[in-house]
C-alpha atoms as a PDB file:
ATOM      1  CA  UNK A   1     -10.468  62.303 101.563  1.00  0.00           C
ATOM      2  CA  UNK A   2     -13.630  60.398 100.796  1.00  0.00           C
ATOM      3  CA  UNK A   3     -14.489  57.058  99.240  1.00  0.00           C
ATOM      4  CA  UNK A   4     -17.880  55.537  98.824  1.00  0.00           C
ATOM      5  CA  UNK A   5     -18.865  52.321  97.151  1.00  0.00           C
ATOM      6  CA  UNK A   6     -22.156  52.034  95.317  1.00  0.00           C
ATOM      7  CA  UNK A   7     -23.154  49.762  98.173  1.00  0.00           C
ATOM      8  CA  UNK A   8     -22.819  50.985 101.731  1.00  0.00           C
ATOM      9  CA  UNK A   9     -19.163  51.262 102.741  1.00  0.00           C
ATOM     10  CA  UNK A  10     -17.627  54.663 103.360  1.00  0.00           C
ATOM     11  CA  UNK A  11     -13.952  55.352 104.091  1.00  0.00           C
ATOM     12  CA  UNK A  12     -13.024  58.930 105.050  1.00  0.00           C
ATOM     13  CA  UNK A  13     -10.249  60.890 106.703  1.00  0.00           C
ATOM     14  CA  UNK A  14      -9.663  64.565 107.415  1.00  0.00           C
ATOM     15  CA  UNK A  15      -6.728  66.939 107.751  1.00  0.00           C
ATOM     16  CA  UNK A  16      -6.774  66.501 111.551  1.00  0.00           C
ATOM     17  CA  UNK A  17      -5.963  62.804 111.167  1.00  0.00           C
ATOM     18  CA  UNK A  18      -9.419  61.421 111.949  1.00  0.00           C
ATOM     19  CA  UNK A  19     -10.221  58.248 110.001  1.00  0.00           C
ATOM     20  CA  UNK A  20     -13.507  56.388 109.605  1.00  0.00           C
ATOM     21  CA  UNK A  21     -14.013  53.034 107.906  1.00  0.00           C
ATOM     22  CA  UNK A  22     -17.762  52.467 108.084  1.00  0.00           C
ATOM     23  CA  UNK A  23     -19.665  49.482 106.738  1.00  0.00           C
ATOM     24  CA  UNK A  24     -23.331  50.289 107.038  1.00  0.00           C
ATOM     25  CA  UNK A  25     -24.560  47.092 105.418  1.00  0.00           C
ATOM     26  CA  UNK A  26     -27.990  46.246 106.729  1.00  0.00           C
ATOM     27  CA  UNK A  27     -29.046  44.132 103.744  1.00  0.00           C
ATOM     28  CA  UNK A  28     -29.652  46.289 100.741  1.00  0.00           C
ATOM     29  CA  UNK A  29     -29.042  50.013 100.904  1.00  0.00           C
ATOM     30  CA  UNK A  30     -32.136  50.653 103.018  1.00  0.00           C
ATOM     31  CA  UNK A  31     -32.283  47.545 105.203  1.00  0.00           C
ATOM     32  CA  UNK A  32     -35.915  46.579 105.595  1.00  0.00           C
ATOM     33  CA  UNK A  33     -37.074  50.108 104.750  1.00  0.00           C
ATOM     34  CA  UNK A  34     -38.418  50.867 108.234  1.00  0.00           C
ATOM     35  CA  UNK A  35     -37.130  53.877 110.167  1.00  0.00           C
ATOM     36  CA  UNK A  36     -37.467  53.735 113.962  1.00  0.00           C
ATOM     37  CA  UNK A  37     -39.930  56.535 114.863  1.00  0.00           C
ATOM     38  CA  UNK A  38     -38.280  59.332 116.825  1.00  0.00           C
ATOM     39  CA  UNK A  39     -34.761  57.939 116.376  1.00  0.00           C
ATOM     40  CA  UNK A  40     -34.136  58.199 112.635  1.00  0.00           C
ATOM     41  CA  UNK A  41     -32.199  54.990 111.949  1.00  0.00           C
ATOM     42  CA  UNK A  42     -33.085  52.142 109.611  1.00  0.00           C
ATOM     43  CA  UNK A  43     -33.744  48.614 110.838  1.00  0.00           C
ATOM     44  CA  UNK A  44     -31.754  45.860 109.199  1.00  0.00           C
ATOM     45  CA  UNK A  45     -32.906  42.873 107.198  1.00  0.00           C
ATOM     46  CA  UNK A  46     -30.124  40.513 108.292  1.00  0.00           C
ATOM     47  CA  UNK A  47     -32.339  37.442 108.667  1.00  0.00           C
ATOM     48  CA  UNK A  48     -31.514  36.781 105.016  1.00  0.00           C
ATOM     49  CA  UNK A  49     -27.933  35.984 106.113  1.00  0.00           C
ATOM     50  CA  UNK A  50     -29.021  32.917 108.080  1.00  0.00           C
ATOM     51  CA  UNK A  51     -29.072  29.496 106.426  1.00  0.00           C
ATOM     52  CA  UNK A  52     -32.159  27.323 106.288  1.00  0.00           C
ATOM     53  CA  UNK A  53     -30.820  23.758 106.434  1.00  0.00           C
ATOM     54  CA  UNK A  54     -32.349  21.413 103.844  1.00  0.00           C
ATOM     55  CA  UNK A  55     -32.800  18.840 106.615  1.00  0.00           C
ATOM     56  CA  UNK A  56     -34.263  20.541 109.733  1.00  0.00           C
ATOM     57  CA  UNK A  57     -33.105  17.637 111.900  1.00  0.00           C
ATOM     58  CA  UNK A  58     -29.458  18.309 110.946  1.00  0.00           C
ATOM     59  CA  UNK A  59     -27.961  21.144 112.979  1.00  0.00           C
ATOM     60  CA  UNK A  60     -26.387  23.995 111.025  1.00  0.00           C
ATOM     61  CA  UNK A  61     -24.086  26.579 112.675  1.00  0.00           C
ATOM     62  CA  UNK A  62     -25.799  29.427 110.799  1.00  0.00           C
ATOM     63  CA  UNK A  63     -29.423  28.329 111.319  1.00  0.00           C
ATOM     64  CA  UNK A  64     -31.971  30.796 112.720  1.00  0.00           C
ATOM     65  CA  UNK A  65     -32.167  30.341 116.489  1.00  0.00           C
ATOM     66  CA  UNK A  66     -32.947  32.639 119.431  1.00  0.00           C
ATOM     67  CA  UNK A  67     -30.040  34.813 120.561  1.00  0.00           C
ATOM     68  CA  UNK A  68     -27.925  34.189 117.454  1.00  0.00           C
ATOM     69  CA  UNK A  69     -26.415  36.557 114.937  1.00  0.00           C
ATOM     70  CA  UNK A  70     -26.022  35.472 111.320  1.00  0.00           C
ATOM     71  CA  UNK A  71     -22.643  34.498 109.908  1.00  0.00           C
ATOM     72  CA  UNK A  72     -22.480  37.695 107.872  1.00  0.00           C
ATOM     73  CA  UNK A  73     -19.693  39.774 109.308  1.00  0.00           C
ATOM     74  CA  UNK A  74     -18.515  43.309 108.834  1.00  0.00           C
ATOM     75  CA  UNK A  75     -14.816  44.033 108.916  1.00  0.00           C
ATOM     76  CA  UNK A  76     -14.158  47.745 108.462  1.00  0.00           C
ATOM     77  CA  UNK A  77     -10.399  47.882 108.826  1.00  0.00           C
ATOM     78  CA  UNK A  78      -7.781  50.478 109.742  1.00  0.00           C
ATOM     79  CA  UNK A  79      -4.149  49.323 109.461  1.00  0.00           C
ATOM     80  CA  UNK A  80      -1.493  51.063 111.574  1.00  0.00           C
ATOM     81  CA  UNK A  81       2.290  50.776 111.452  1.00  0.00           C
ATOM     82  CA  UNK A  82       4.231  52.168 114.415  1.00  0.00           C
ATOM     83  CA  UNK A  83       1.005  53.863 115.540  1.00  0.00           C
ATOM     84  CA  UNK A  84       0.490  55.710 112.259  1.00  0.00           C
ATOM     85  CA  UNK A  85      -2.250  54.952 109.714  1.00  0.00           C
ATOM     86  CA  UNK A  86      -1.224  53.082 106.586  1.00  0.00           C
ATOM     87  CA  UNK A  87      -4.525  51.907 105.164  1.00  0.00           C
ATOM     88  CA  UNK A  88      -8.267  52.107 105.794  1.00  0.00           C
ATOM     89  CA  UNK A  89     -10.726  49.936 103.894  1.00  0.00           C
ATOM     90  CA  UNK A  90     -13.894  47.903 103.935  1.00  0.00           C
ATOM     91  CA  UNK A  91     -16.695  46.476 101.834  1.00  0.00           C
ATOM     92  CA  UNK A  92     -20.353  45.564 101.967  1.00  0.00           C
ATOM     93  CA  UNK A  93     -21.297  42.101 100.738  1.00  0.00           C
ATOM     94  CA  UNK A  94     -22.812  39.973 103.503  1.00  0.00           C
ATOM     95  CA  UNK A  95     -20.891  36.763 103.992  1.00  0.00           C
ATOM     96  CA  UNK A  96     -18.314  37.778 101.341  1.00  0.00           C
ATOM     97  CA  UNK A  97     -17.132  40.834 103.304  1.00  0.00           C
ATOM     98  CA  UNK A  98     -14.324  39.129 105.193  1.00  0.00           C
ATOM     99  CA  UNK A  99     -12.893  37.413 102.112  1.00  0.00           C
ATOM    100  CA  UNK A 100     -13.077  40.679 100.135  1.00  0.00           C
ATOM    101  CA  UNK A 101     -11.183  42.689 102.761  1.00  0.00           C
ATOM    102  CA  UNK A 102      -8.648  39.906 103.311  1.00  0.00           C
ATOM    103  CA  UNK A 103      -7.851  39.609  99.587  1.00  0.00           C
ATOM    104  CA  UNK A 104      -7.288  43.361  99.299  1.00  0.00           C
ATOM    105  CA  UNK A 105      -4.987  43.313 102.339  1.00  0.00           C
ATOM    106  CA  UNK A 106      -3.006  40.308 101.052  1.00  0.00           C
ATOM    107  CA  UNK A 107      -2.779  41.797  97.557  1.00  0.00           C
ATOM    108  CA  UNK A 108      -1.529  45.151  98.807  1.00  0.00           C
ATOM    109  CA  UNK A 109       0.536  44.310 101.897  1.00  0.00           C
ATOM    110  CA  UNK A 110       1.850  40.824 101.131  1.00  0.00           C
ATOM    111  CA  UNK A 111       2.019  40.840  97.320  1.00  0.00           C
ATOM    112  CA  UNK A 112       2.943  44.518  96.907  1.00  0.00           C
ATOM    113  CA  UNK A 113       0.166  45.459  94.481  1.00  0.00           C
ATOM    114  CA  UNK A 114      -0.654  49.173  94.367  1.00  0.00           C
ATOM    115  CA  UNK A 115      -3.849  49.709  96.360  1.00  0.00           C
ATOM    116  CA  UNK A 116      -5.974  50.439  93.285  1.00  0.00           C
ATOM    117  CA  UNK A 117      -4.886  47.151  91.649  1.00  0.00           C
ATOM    118  CA  UNK A 118      -5.337  45.171  94.877  1.00  0.00           C
ATOM    119  CA  UNK A 119      -8.874  46.529  95.192  1.00  0.00           C
ATOM    120  CA  UNK A 120      -9.763  45.875  91.529  1.00  0.00           C
ATOM    121  CA  UNK A 121      -8.269  42.345  91.346  1.00  0.00           C
ATOM    122  CA  UNK A 122     -10.663  39.428  90.648  1.00  0.00           C
ATOM    123  CA  UNK A 123     -11.937  37.794  93.840  1.00  0.00           C
ATOM    124  CA  UNK A 124     -12.780  34.438  95.358  1.00  0.00           C
ATOM    125  CA  UNK A 125     -14.998  33.693  98.333  1.00  0.00           C
ATOM    126  CA  UNK A 126     -14.888  30.393 100.217  1.00  0.00           C
ATOM    127  CA  UNK A 127     -17.497  30.329 102.949  1.00  0.00           C
ATOM    128  CA  UNK A 128     -17.629  26.637 103.892  1.00  0.00           C
ATOM    129  CA  UNK A 129     -20.638  25.952 101.700  1.00  0.00           C
ATOM    130  CA  UNK A 130     -22.062  22.453 101.772  1.00  0.00           C
ATOM    131  CA  UNK A 131     -20.766  21.573  98.300  1.00  0.00           C
ATOM    132  CA  UNK A 132     -17.186  22.648  99.087  1.00  0.00           C
ATOM    133  CA  UNK A 133     -17.033  24.951  96.061  1.00  0.00           C
ATOM    134  CA  UNK A 134     -15.348  28.344  96.141  1.00  0.00           C
ATOM    135  CA  UNK A 135     -17.245  31.184  94.459  1.00  0.00           C
ATOM    136  CA  UNK A 136     -15.070  32.979  91.908  1.00  0.00           C
ATOM    137  CA  UNK A 137     -15.674  36.065  89.824  1.00  0.00           C
ATOM    138  CA  UNK A 138     -15.661  35.347  86.080  1.00  0.00           C
ATOM    139  CA  UNK A 139     -12.379  37.242  85.635  1.00  0.00           C
ATOM    140  CA  UNK A 140     -10.715  34.937  88.176  1.00  0.00           C
ATOM    141  CA  UNK A 141     -11.933  31.803  86.398  1.00  0.00           C
ATOM    142  CA  UNK A 142      -9.878  32.726  83.332  1.00  0.00           C
ATOM    143  CA  UNK A 143      -6.744  33.633  85.359  1.00  0.00           C
ATOM    144  CA  UNK A 144      -3.767  31.217  85.546  1.00  0.00           C
ATOM    145  CA  UNK A 145      -4.294  30.932  89.317  1.00  0.00           C
ATOM    146  CA  UNK A 146      -7.663  29.237  88.710  1.00  0.00           C
ATOM    147  CA  UNK A 147      -5.979  26.379  86.848  1.00  0.00           C
ATOM    148  CA  UNK A 148      -3.396  26.074  89.620  1.00  0.00           C
ATOM    149  CA  UNK A 149      -6.073  25.838  92.300  1.00  0.00           C
ATOM    150  CA  UNK A 150      -8.030  23.279  90.251  1.00  0.00           C
ATOM    151  CA  UNK A 151      -4.890  21.148  89.948  1.00  0.00           C
ATOM    152  CA  UNK A 152      -4.739  21.092  93.752  1.00  0.00           C
ATOM    153  CA  UNK A 153      -8.328  19.830  93.953  1.00  0.00           C
ATOM    154  CA  UNK A 154     -10.170  23.096  94.555  1.00  0.00           C
ATOM    155  CA  UNK A 155     -13.593  23.389  92.942  1.00  0.00           C
ATOM    156  CA  UNK A 156     -14.345  26.880  91.625  1.00  0.00           C
ATOM    157  CA  UNK A 157     -17.922  27.953  91.018  1.00  0.00           C
ATOM    158  CA  UNK A 158     -18.848  30.959  88.853  1.00  0.00           C
ATOM    159  CA  UNK A 159     -20.099  33.735  91.150  1.00  0.00           C
ATOM    160  CA  UNK A 160     -22.522  34.700  88.375  1.00  0.00           C
ATOM    161  CA  UNK A 161     -25.212  32.890  90.342  1.00  0.00           C
ATOM    162  CA  UNK A 162     -24.740  35.451  93.140  1.00  0.00           C
ATOM    163  CA  UNK A 163     -24.681  38.514  90.898  1.00  0.00           C
ATOM    164  CA  UNK A 164     -21.212  37.886  89.492  1.00  0.00           C
ATOM    165  CA  UNK A 165     -19.393  40.329  91.769  1.00  0.00           C
ATOM    166  CA  UNK A 166     -17.868  39.810  95.206  1.00  0.00           C
ATOM    167  CA  UNK A 167     -17.784  42.898  97.428  1.00  0.00           C
ATOM    168  CA  UNK A 168     -17.774  46.613  96.614  1.00  0.00           C
ATOM    169  CA  UNK A 169     -14.765  47.992  98.459  1.00  0.00           C
ATOM    170  CA  UNK A 170     -13.287  51.408  99.116  1.00  0.00           C
ATOM    171  CA  UNK A 171      -9.865  52.207 100.567  1.00  0.00           C
ATOM    172  CA  UNK A 172      -7.570  55.038 101.609  1.00  0.00           C
ATOM    173  CA  UNK A 173      -3.799  54.521 101.426  1.00  0.00           C
ATOM    174  CA  UNK A 174      -1.805  56.896 103.647  1.00  0.00           C
ATOM    175  CA  UNK A 175       1.439  57.378 101.745  1.00  0.00           C
ATOM    176  CA  UNK A 176       4.869  57.969 103.300  1.00  0.00           C
ATOM    177  CA  UNK A 177       5.116  61.442 101.754  1.00  0.00           C
ATOM    178  CA  UNK A 178       1.976  62.650 103.549  1.00  0.00           C
ATOM    179  CA  UNK A 179      -0.344  62.256 100.572  1.00  0.00           C
ATOM    180  CA  UNK A 180      -3.422  60.035 100.571  1.00  0.00           C
ATOM    181  CA  UNK A 181      -4.544  57.769  97.749  1.00  0.00           C
ATOM    182  CA  UNK A 182      -8.323  57.257  97.612  1.00  0.00           C
ATOM    183  CA  UNK A 183      -9.675  54.284  95.642  1.00  0.00           C
ATOM    184  CA  UNK A 184     -13.067  52.726  94.991  1.00  0.00           C
ATOM    185  CA  UNK A 185     -14.355  49.945  92.787  1.00  0.00           C
ATOM    186  CA  UNK A 186     -13.697  50.784  89.143  1.00  0.00           C
ATOM    187  CA  UNK A 187     -16.338  48.352  87.817  1.00  0.00           C
ATOM    188  CA  UNK A 188     -18.163  46.319  90.498  1.00  0.00           C
ATOM    189  CA  UNK A 189     -21.678  47.606  91.155  1.00  0.00           C
ATOM    190  CA  UNK A 190     -21.142  50.167  88.378  1.00  0.00           C
ATOM    191  CA  UNK A 191     -18.110  51.690  90.101  1.00  0.00           C
ATOM    192  CA  UNK A 192     -17.659  53.712  93.256  1.00  0.00           C
ATOM    193  CA  UNK A 193     -16.522  57.217  94.091  1.00  0.00           C
ATOM    194  CA  UNK A 194     -13.072  58.182  95.374  1.00  0.00           C
ATOM    195  CA  UNK A 195     -11.812  61.726  95.735  1.00  0.00           C
ATOM    196  CA  UNK A 196      -9.640  64.108  97.689  1.00  0.00           C
ATOM    197  CA  UNK A 197     -11.484  67.247  98.664  1.00  0.00           C
ATOM    198  CA  UNK A 198      -9.502  70.403  99.385  1.00  0.00           C
ATOM    199  CA  UNK A 199     -10.627  73.376 101.430  1.00  0.00           C
ATOM    200  CA  UNK A 200     -11.694  76.237  99.201  1.00  0.00           C
END
């Protein structure tokens, strides 16, 4: 089984039961474009995930400082139940990664959506921005839930300013009958790839 988003998250498993959920986000598909001589890996470009505070005298938890890592977090996830795999998933997307993975998990596990629908559902991303707004994909802004959140005082901002899409996930669902369902983004970042490969 193999899933790959158009951005860098790969979810794979094999017949022996090995599972990998691998987010190789290093800012853009090639990081900073420099390969370490003699070692063959790309250097990242994660400095773009730090914040530059508008007022340098005001401390910011995500400001560039020695010894710090930026707020951007990866969360490749493998879910087990009674020691057996149920789900493997992840997404690239910088500081939207955690909210993307969480929404897929809540949609599938808590709300009972089939994994393909949970992965394709419109997304939000609240990352404690200074203006208090929550980024929302355009499809979410027209959903009934958007009106409900607004009535509770939430401010939704169109994610169009950040490319319009939040995350680019892939997932494997390990079904009770021994089959595996592979899913990838149907639309975000022009769609991903999900397939089950059989031995020939």
